[in-house]
């Protein structure tokens, strides 16, 4: 049942993004920022954590999960380090995922022939 819930929730989030892309003039980068900020706001409001526990990967894998991760990192760093945590918390919390994306992207570029779109 967990897989089904994750699939449906992730699909709803993706469908919402697809509708935004097709029905508005928002650029994909701005939609991505909206998702990250929405995850951070929902995390700050205390709504995202129970939602993520219920929806599992359906809520944590999309960009809303990344926004919540950044919020949680900043919150924890501020509690431990004070004001300086505002600047370091998000970087520490997201470092592993960002590093993995860069490393695996580079490895994939070694096996394939990446080209710039024209």
Protein backbone atom coordinates (compact mmCIF):
# COMPACT_ATOMS: atom_id res chain seq x y z
CA UNK A 1 0.00 0.00 0.00
CA UNK A 2 2.94 2.34 0.69
CA UNK A 3 4.07 2.06 -2.92
CA UNK A 4 0.61 2.90 -4.21
CA UNK A 5 0.29 5.95 -1.96
CA UNK A 6 3.77 7.17 -2.96
CA UNK A 7 2.97 6.66 -6.65
CA UNK A 8 -0.36 8.50 -6.46
CA UNK A 9 0.97 11.43 -4.40
CA UNK A 10 4.06 11.82 -6.59
CA UNK A 11 1.84 11.60 -9.67
CA UNK A 12 -0.47 14.30 -8.35
CA UNK A 13 2.47 16.62 -7.69
CA UNK A 14 3.86 15.95 -11.17
CA UNK A 15 0.44 16.47 -12.76
CA UNK A 16 0.09 19.78 -10.93
CA UNK A 17 3.49 20.88 -12.26
CA UNK A 18 2.57 19.78 -15.78
CA UNK A 19 -0.63 21.82 -15.61
CA UNK A 20 1.36 24.85 -14.44
CA UNK A 21 3.78 24.41 -17.34
CA UNK A 22 1.08 24.11 -19.96
CA UNK A 23 -1.54 26.56 -18.70
CA UNK A 24 0.67 29.41 -17.47
CA UNK A 25 3.55 31.37 -18.90
CA UNK A 26 5.79 30.41 -15.99
CA UNK A 27 9.21 29.18 -17.01
CA UNK A 28 10.31 25.76 -15.69
CA UNK A 29 12.95 27.34 -13.45
CA UNK A 30 10.34 29.48 -11.73
CA UNK A 31 8.08 26.49 -11.23
CA UNK A 32 10.97 24.64 -9.63
CA UNK A 33 11.54 27.57 -7.27
CA UNK A 34 7.83 27.59 -6.41
CA UNK A 35 8.03 23.90 -5.47
CA UNK A 36 11.11 24.34 -3.29
CA UNK A 37 9.66 27.38 -1.52
CA UNK A 38 6.32 25.60 -1.05
CA UNK A 39 8.13 22.69 0.61
CA UNK A 40 9.98 25.06 2.94
CA UNK A 41 6.80 26.97 3.84
CA UNK A 42 4.84 23.78 4.46
CA UNK A 43 7.71 22.51 6.60
CA UNK A 44 7.77 25.72 8.64
CA UNK A 45 4.00 25.47 9.10
CA UNK A 46 4.41 21.93 10.45
CA UNK A 47 2.29 20.42 7.68
CA UNK A 48 4.96 18.77 5.53
CA UNK A 49 6.39 16.34 8.09
CA UNK A 50 3.13 14.44 8.75
CA UNK A 51 2.34 14.54 5.03
CA UNK A 52 5.78 13.09 4.20
CA UNK A 53 5.38 10.34 6.81
CA UNK A 54 2.10 9.34 5.16
CA UNK A 55 3.11 9.74 1.49
CA UNK A 56 6.74 8.60 1.93
CA UNK A 57 8.75 8.93 -1.32
CA UNK A 58 5.76 10.44 -3.09
CA UNK A 59 6.32 13.58 -1.02
CA UNK A 60 10.05 13.50 -0.31
CA UNK A 61 11.42 12.85 -3.80
CA UNK A 62 9.86 15.84 -5.66
CA UNK A 63 11.33 19.31 -5.19
CA UNK A 64 8.93 20.04 -2.37
CA UNK A 65 10.89 17.50 -0.34
CA UNK A 66 14.11 19.35 -1.13
CA UNK A 67 12.58 22.60 0.12
CA UNK A 68 11.54 20.89 3.34
CA UNK A 69 15.04 19.41 3.70
CA UNK A 70 16.56 22.88 3.37
CA UNK A 71 14.16 24.27 5.97
CA UNK A 72 14.91 21.44 8.41
CA UNK A 73 18.66 21.98 7.95
CA UNK A 74 18.41 25.72 8.57
CA UNK A 75 16.17 25.20 11.60
CA UNK A 76 18.58 22.68 13.14
CA UNK A 77 21.65 24.85 12.40
CA UNK A 78 20.04 27.96 13.89
CA UNK A 79 19.22 26.01 17.04
CA UNK A 80 22.85 24.86 17.33
CA UNK A 81 24.86 27.77 15.92
CA UNK A 82 22.59 30.79 16.17
CA UNK A 83 22.37 33.40 13.43
CA UNK A 84 25.21 31.88 11.40
CA UNK A 85 23.09 28.74 10.97
CA UNK A 86 20.85 30.64 8.54
CA UNK A 87 23.70 30.58 6.02
CA UNK A 88 25.16 27.14 6.70
CA UNK A 89 22.18 24.93 7.58
CA UNK A 90 20.70 24.54 4.13
CA UNK A 91 24.08 23.83 2.58
CA UNK A 92 24.91 21.14 5.12
CA UNK A 93 21.48 19.50 4.85
CA UNK A 94 21.43 19.39 1.06
CA UNK A 95 25.11 18.68 0.45
CA UNK A 96 24.83 14.90 0.00
CA UNK A 97 21.97 15.04 -2.50
CA UNK A 98 23.48 17.88 -4.50
CA UNK A 99 26.89 16.20 -4.56
CA UNK A 100 25.35 12.91 -5.70
CA UNK A 101 23.48 14.66 -8.52
CA UNK A 102 26.68 16.34 -9.73
CA UNK A 103 28.81 13.21 -9.48
CA UNK A 104 26.31 10.90 -11.18
CA UNK A 105 25.59 13.55 -13.84
CA UNK A 106 29.30 13.75 -14.60
CA UNK A 107 29.66 9.96 -14.73
CA UNK A 108 26.69 9.74 -17.10
CA UNK A 109 28.28 12.38 -19.36
CA UNK A 110 31.35 10.13 -19.69
CA UNK A 111 29.25 7.29 -21.13
CA UNK A 112 26.95 9.36 -23.33
CA UNK A 113 27.46 12.19 -25.79
CA UNK A 114 25.88 15.25 -24.16
CA UNK A 115 24.92 18.08 -26.48
CA UNK A 116 23.52 21.52 -25.93
CA UNK A 117 19.97 21.97 -27.23
CA UNK A 118 19.62 24.37 -30.13
